[in-house]
N, C-alpha and C. Protein backbone atom coordinates (compact mmCIF):
# COMPACT_ATOMS: atom_id res chain seq x y z
N MET A 1 -49.98 -16.96 -33.24
CA MET A 1 -50.34 -16.47 -34.55
C MET A 1 -51.11 -17.57 -35.29
N LYS A 2 -52.29 -17.23 -35.80
CA LYS A 2 -53.10 -18.19 -36.54
C LYS A 2 -52.67 -18.24 -37.99
N PRO A 3 -52.61 -19.42 -38.56
CA PRO A 3 -52.28 -19.49 -39.98
C PRO A 3 -53.40 -18.89 -40.82
N MET A 4 -53.01 -18.32 -41.95
CA MET A 4 -54.02 -17.75 -42.83
C MET A 4 -54.94 -18.85 -43.31
N GLY A 5 -56.20 -18.54 -43.39
CA GLY A 5 -57.16 -19.51 -43.88
C GLY A 5 -57.73 -20.39 -42.78
N ALA A 6 -57.24 -20.23 -41.57
CA ALA A 6 -57.77 -21.05 -40.48
C ALA A 6 -59.19 -20.59 -40.16
N ALA A 7 -60.05 -21.53 -39.86
CA ALA A 7 -61.43 -21.20 -39.53
C ALA A 7 -61.48 -20.68 -38.11
N PRO A 8 -61.77 -19.41 -37.91
CA PRO A 8 -61.70 -18.82 -36.58
C PRO A 8 -62.74 -19.36 -35.61
N ASP A 9 -63.87 -19.84 -36.11
CA ASP A 9 -64.91 -20.30 -35.19
C ASP A 9 -64.86 -21.80 -34.95
N LEU A 10 -63.85 -22.47 -35.47
CA LEU A 10 -63.75 -23.90 -35.26
C LEU A 10 -62.48 -24.23 -34.47
N ASP A 11 -62.38 -23.69 -33.29
CA ASP A 11 -61.25 -23.99 -32.42
C ASP A 11 -61.47 -25.39 -31.87
N ASP A 12 -60.68 -26.35 -32.31
CA ASP A 12 -60.92 -27.74 -31.97
C ASP A 12 -60.88 -28.02 -30.48
N SER A 13 -60.11 -27.26 -29.72
CA SER A 13 -60.02 -27.53 -28.29
C SER A 13 -61.27 -27.08 -27.53
N SER A 14 -62.04 -26.19 -28.13
CA SER A 14 -63.23 -25.70 -27.44
C SER A 14 -64.51 -26.38 -27.91
N GLN A 15 -64.39 -27.28 -28.88
CA GLN A 15 -65.58 -27.98 -29.35
C GLN A 15 -66.08 -28.93 -28.29
N GLU A 16 -67.37 -29.09 -28.25
CA GLU A 16 -67.98 -30.05 -27.33
C GLU A 16 -68.63 -31.15 -28.14
N TRP A 17 -68.43 -32.38 -27.71
CA TRP A 17 -68.88 -33.56 -28.42
C TRP A 17 -69.88 -34.35 -27.60
N TYR A 18 -70.80 -34.98 -28.30
CA TYR A 18 -71.72 -35.96 -27.72
C TYR A 18 -71.43 -37.27 -28.42
N TYR A 19 -71.62 -38.38 -27.72
CA TYR A 19 -71.44 -39.68 -28.37
C TYR A 19 -72.51 -40.65 -27.89
N LEU A 20 -72.74 -41.68 -28.70
CA LEU A 20 -73.68 -42.73 -28.34
C LEU A 20 -72.91 -43.96 -27.89
N ASP A 21 -73.37 -44.56 -26.79
CA ASP A 21 -72.75 -45.81 -26.37
C ASP A 21 -73.39 -46.97 -27.14
N SER A 22 -73.03 -48.18 -26.82
CA SER A 22 -73.50 -49.33 -27.57
C SER A 22 -75.00 -49.58 -27.43
N THR A 23 -75.63 -48.95 -26.44
CA THR A 23 -77.07 -49.12 -26.27
C THR A 23 -77.86 -47.97 -26.90
N GLY A 24 -77.14 -46.99 -27.46
CA GLY A 24 -77.80 -45.85 -28.07
C GLY A 24 -78.03 -44.69 -27.12
N GLN A 25 -77.50 -44.80 -25.91
CA GLN A 25 -77.62 -43.73 -24.91
C GLN A 25 -76.61 -42.64 -25.25
N GLU A 26 -77.08 -41.38 -25.26
CA GLU A 26 -76.19 -40.27 -25.56
C GLU A 26 -75.50 -39.77 -24.29
N PHE A 27 -74.22 -39.47 -24.43
CA PHE A 27 -73.44 -38.89 -23.34
C PHE A 27 -72.76 -37.63 -23.83
N GLY A 28 -72.59 -36.67 -22.94
CA GLY A 28 -71.90 -35.45 -23.30
C GLY A 28 -72.62 -34.24 -22.77
N PRO A 29 -72.12 -33.08 -22.99
CA PRO A 29 -70.98 -32.82 -23.87
C PRO A 29 -69.64 -33.02 -23.17
N PHE A 30 -68.65 -33.37 -23.98
CA PHE A 30 -67.27 -33.52 -23.53
C PHE A 30 -66.37 -32.72 -24.46
N SER A 31 -65.33 -32.15 -23.91
CA SER A 31 -64.40 -31.34 -24.71
C SER A 31 -63.64 -32.23 -25.69
N SER A 32 -63.11 -31.61 -26.73
CA SER A 32 -62.28 -32.34 -27.68
C SER A 32 -61.08 -32.98 -26.98
N ASP A 33 -60.51 -32.26 -26.03
CA ASP A 33 -59.35 -32.80 -25.30
C ASP A 33 -59.72 -34.09 -24.56
N THR A 34 -60.87 -34.09 -23.90
CA THR A 34 -61.31 -35.28 -23.17
C THR A 34 -61.59 -36.43 -24.13
N MET A 35 -62.29 -36.14 -25.22
CA MET A 35 -62.61 -37.18 -26.20
C MET A 35 -61.34 -37.74 -26.82
N ARG A 36 -60.39 -36.87 -27.10
CA ARG A 36 -59.12 -37.30 -27.69
C ARG A 36 -58.38 -38.22 -26.73
N GLU A 37 -58.36 -37.85 -25.47
CA GLU A 37 -57.68 -38.66 -24.47
C GLU A 37 -58.34 -40.04 -24.35
N TRP A 38 -59.67 -40.05 -24.27
CA TRP A 38 -60.39 -41.32 -24.19
C TRP A 38 -60.16 -42.17 -25.43
N TRP A 39 -60.15 -41.52 -26.60
CA TRP A 39 -59.91 -42.22 -27.85
C TRP A 39 -58.53 -42.88 -27.82
N ALA A 40 -57.52 -42.15 -27.39
CA ALA A 40 -56.15 -42.66 -27.34
C ALA A 40 -56.02 -43.82 -26.37
N GLN A 41 -56.83 -43.81 -25.31
CA GLN A 41 -56.78 -44.86 -24.30
C GLN A 41 -57.62 -46.08 -24.66
N GLY A 42 -58.31 -46.01 -25.79
CA GLY A 42 -59.13 -47.15 -26.20
C GLY A 42 -60.45 -47.25 -25.46
N PHE A 43 -60.92 -46.13 -24.94
CA PHE A 43 -62.16 -46.10 -24.17
C PHE A 43 -63.37 -46.47 -25.03
N PHE A 44 -63.26 -46.28 -26.34
CA PHE A 44 -64.39 -46.57 -27.24
C PHE A 44 -64.07 -47.84 -28.04
N PRO A 45 -64.48 -48.99 -27.53
CA PRO A 45 -64.13 -50.25 -28.21
C PRO A 45 -64.73 -50.38 -29.60
N ILE A 46 -65.75 -49.61 -29.89
CA ILE A 46 -66.38 -49.66 -31.21
C ILE A 46 -65.49 -49.00 -32.26
N GLY A 47 -64.49 -48.27 -31.82
CA GLY A 47 -63.52 -47.68 -32.73
C GLY A 47 -64.11 -46.61 -33.63
N GLU A 48 -63.74 -46.67 -34.90
CA GLU A 48 -64.14 -45.61 -35.82
C GLU A 48 -65.62 -45.65 -36.18
N ASP A 49 -66.33 -46.62 -35.69
CA ASP A 49 -67.79 -46.66 -35.86
C ASP A 49 -68.51 -45.87 -34.76
N LEU A 50 -67.75 -45.29 -33.85
CA LEU A 50 -68.33 -44.48 -32.78
C LEU A 50 -69.20 -43.38 -33.37
N MET A 51 -70.42 -43.28 -32.89
CA MET A 51 -71.36 -42.27 -33.38
C MET A 51 -71.22 -41.02 -32.53
N VAL A 52 -70.92 -39.90 -33.17
CA VAL A 52 -70.67 -38.64 -32.47
C VAL A 52 -71.44 -37.51 -33.14
N ARG A 53 -71.56 -36.42 -32.40
CA ARG A 53 -72.12 -35.20 -32.98
C ARG A 53 -71.63 -34.00 -32.20
N LEU A 54 -71.67 -32.86 -32.86
CA LEU A 54 -71.43 -31.57 -32.21
C LEU A 54 -72.80 -30.99 -31.85
N PRO A 55 -72.85 -30.03 -30.94
CA PRO A 55 -74.15 -29.49 -30.51
C PRO A 55 -75.02 -28.94 -31.65
N THR A 56 -74.40 -28.47 -32.71
CA THR A 56 -75.17 -27.89 -33.81
C THR A 56 -75.65 -28.93 -34.83
N TRP A 57 -75.21 -30.17 -34.69
CA TRP A 57 -75.60 -31.22 -35.63
C TRP A 57 -76.89 -31.85 -35.17
N LYS A 58 -77.76 -32.17 -36.10
CA LYS A 58 -79.03 -32.80 -35.77
C LYS A 58 -78.90 -34.30 -35.58
N GLN A 59 -77.91 -34.89 -36.22
CA GLN A 59 -77.74 -36.35 -36.16
C GLN A 59 -76.32 -36.72 -35.77
N HIS A 60 -76.20 -37.90 -35.20
CA HIS A 60 -74.88 -38.46 -34.93
C HIS A 60 -74.34 -39.06 -36.23
N VAL A 61 -73.04 -39.00 -36.39
CA VAL A 61 -72.40 -39.61 -37.55
C VAL A 61 -71.22 -40.45 -37.07
N ALA A 62 -70.88 -41.46 -37.85
CA ALA A 62 -69.76 -42.31 -37.50
C ALA A 62 -68.46 -41.51 -37.59
N LEU A 63 -67.59 -41.74 -36.65
CA LEU A 63 -66.32 -41.03 -36.61
C LEU A 63 -65.57 -41.17 -37.93
N ARG A 64 -65.65 -42.34 -38.55
CA ARG A 64 -64.94 -42.57 -39.82
C ARG A 64 -65.47 -41.68 -40.94
N ASP A 65 -66.71 -41.20 -40.80
CA ASP A 65 -67.28 -40.34 -41.83
C ASP A 65 -66.82 -38.89 -41.73
N ILE A 66 -66.27 -38.52 -40.59
CA ILE A 66 -65.83 -37.13 -40.43
C ILE A 66 -64.32 -36.98 -40.29
N TYR A 67 -63.63 -38.10 -40.08
CA TYR A 67 -62.17 -38.08 -40.03
C TYR A 67 -61.63 -39.18 -40.93
N ARG A 68 -60.97 -38.80 -41.99
CA ARG A 68 -60.38 -39.80 -42.87
C ARG A 68 -59.19 -40.47 -42.18
N ASP A 69 -58.45 -39.68 -41.42
CA ASP A 69 -57.29 -40.18 -40.70
C ASP A 69 -57.65 -40.21 -39.22
N MET A 70 -57.75 -41.39 -38.67
CA MET A 70 -58.18 -41.51 -37.27
C MET A 70 -57.19 -40.87 -36.29
N SER A 71 -55.98 -40.61 -36.73
CA SER A 71 -55.03 -39.94 -35.84
C SER A 71 -55.42 -38.47 -35.64
N ASP A 72 -56.32 -37.96 -36.48
CA ASP A 72 -56.80 -36.59 -36.34
C ASP A 72 -58.08 -36.50 -35.51
N ALA A 73 -58.64 -37.62 -35.14
CA ALA A 73 -59.92 -37.63 -34.43
C ALA A 73 -59.86 -36.77 -33.17
N PHE A 74 -60.78 -35.85 -33.07
CA PHE A 74 -60.91 -34.92 -31.94
C PHE A 74 -59.71 -33.99 -31.80
N ARG A 75 -58.83 -34.00 -32.78
CA ARG A 75 -57.64 -33.16 -32.73
C ARG A 75 -57.77 -31.98 -33.67
N THR A 76 -58.45 -32.19 -34.77
CA THR A 76 -58.68 -31.14 -35.76
C THR A 76 -60.18 -31.02 -35.98
N PRO A 77 -60.62 -29.91 -36.53
CA PRO A 77 -62.06 -29.78 -36.81
C PRO A 77 -62.51 -30.87 -37.78
N PRO A 78 -63.69 -31.43 -37.54
CA PRO A 78 -64.19 -32.48 -38.43
C PRO A 78 -64.43 -31.93 -39.82
N GLY A 79 -64.20 -32.73 -40.82
CA GLY A 79 -64.39 -32.27 -42.18
C GLY A 79 -65.26 -33.20 -42.97
N SER A 80 -66.53 -32.88 -43.07
CA SER A 80 -67.43 -33.70 -43.85
C SER A 80 -68.63 -32.89 -44.26
N THR A 81 -69.14 -33.13 -45.42
CA THR A 81 -70.36 -32.45 -45.85
C THR A 81 -71.57 -33.16 -45.27
N ARG A 82 -71.36 -34.33 -44.67
CA ARG A 82 -72.48 -35.09 -44.13
C ARG A 82 -73.02 -34.48 -42.85
N THR A 83 -72.32 -33.51 -42.28
CA THR A 83 -72.76 -32.93 -41.02
C THR A 83 -73.83 -31.89 -41.20
N GLY A 84 -74.10 -31.49 -42.43
CA GLY A 84 -75.14 -30.50 -42.67
C GLY A 84 -76.48 -31.13 -42.43
N GLY A 85 -77.47 -30.41 -42.14
CA GLY A 85 -78.77 -30.88 -41.72
C GLY A 85 -79.34 -32.06 -42.45
N GLY A 86 -79.17 -32.25 -43.66
CA GLY A 86 -79.58 -33.44 -44.33
C GLY A 86 -81.03 -33.78 -44.21
N GLY A 87 -81.64 -34.28 -45.12
CA GLY A 87 -83.03 -34.53 -45.01
C GLY A 87 -83.41 -35.92 -44.82
N GLY A 88 -83.06 -36.80 -45.43
CA GLY A 88 -83.81 -37.99 -45.43
C GLY A 88 -83.49 -38.98 -44.42
N GLY A 89 -84.23 -39.82 -44.37
CA GLY A 89 -83.89 -40.94 -43.65
C GLY A 89 -84.55 -41.12 -42.37
N GLY A 90 -85.08 -41.96 -42.07
CA GLY A 90 -85.54 -42.07 -40.75
C GLY A 90 -85.08 -43.35 -40.30
N GLY A 91 -84.51 -43.56 -39.61
CA GLY A 91 -83.93 -44.77 -39.23
C GLY A 91 -84.72 -45.47 -38.31
N GLY A 92 -84.88 -46.27 -38.01
CA GLY A 92 -85.57 -46.81 -36.94
C GLY A 92 -85.95 -48.16 -37.22
N GLY A 93 -85.64 -49.06 -36.94
CA GLY A 93 -86.11 -50.33 -37.25
C GLY A 93 -86.08 -51.10 -36.03
N GLY A 94 -86.86 -51.88 -35.93
CA GLY A 94 -86.98 -52.50 -34.76
C GLY A 94 -86.71 -53.59 -34.10
């Protein structure tokens, strides 16, 4: 039974994640379960600065920007307004 108010299209276990390694190489997609397991095992030494995105996001964002409580990382749907398409910025410096 789903709790009232639950977002039906944001089943955290079926989400697929992409992440950037320390060289900026993107890897994925990986399930939330896999990412959660790797997170718990310390697979990401960069910690909460890990840059991640969902398939519908145009940009990667730091894990700390989408999870206030790191114990929820990859366990619950991300909650941030920063994941919307956003306009500015071009990053790139050389």
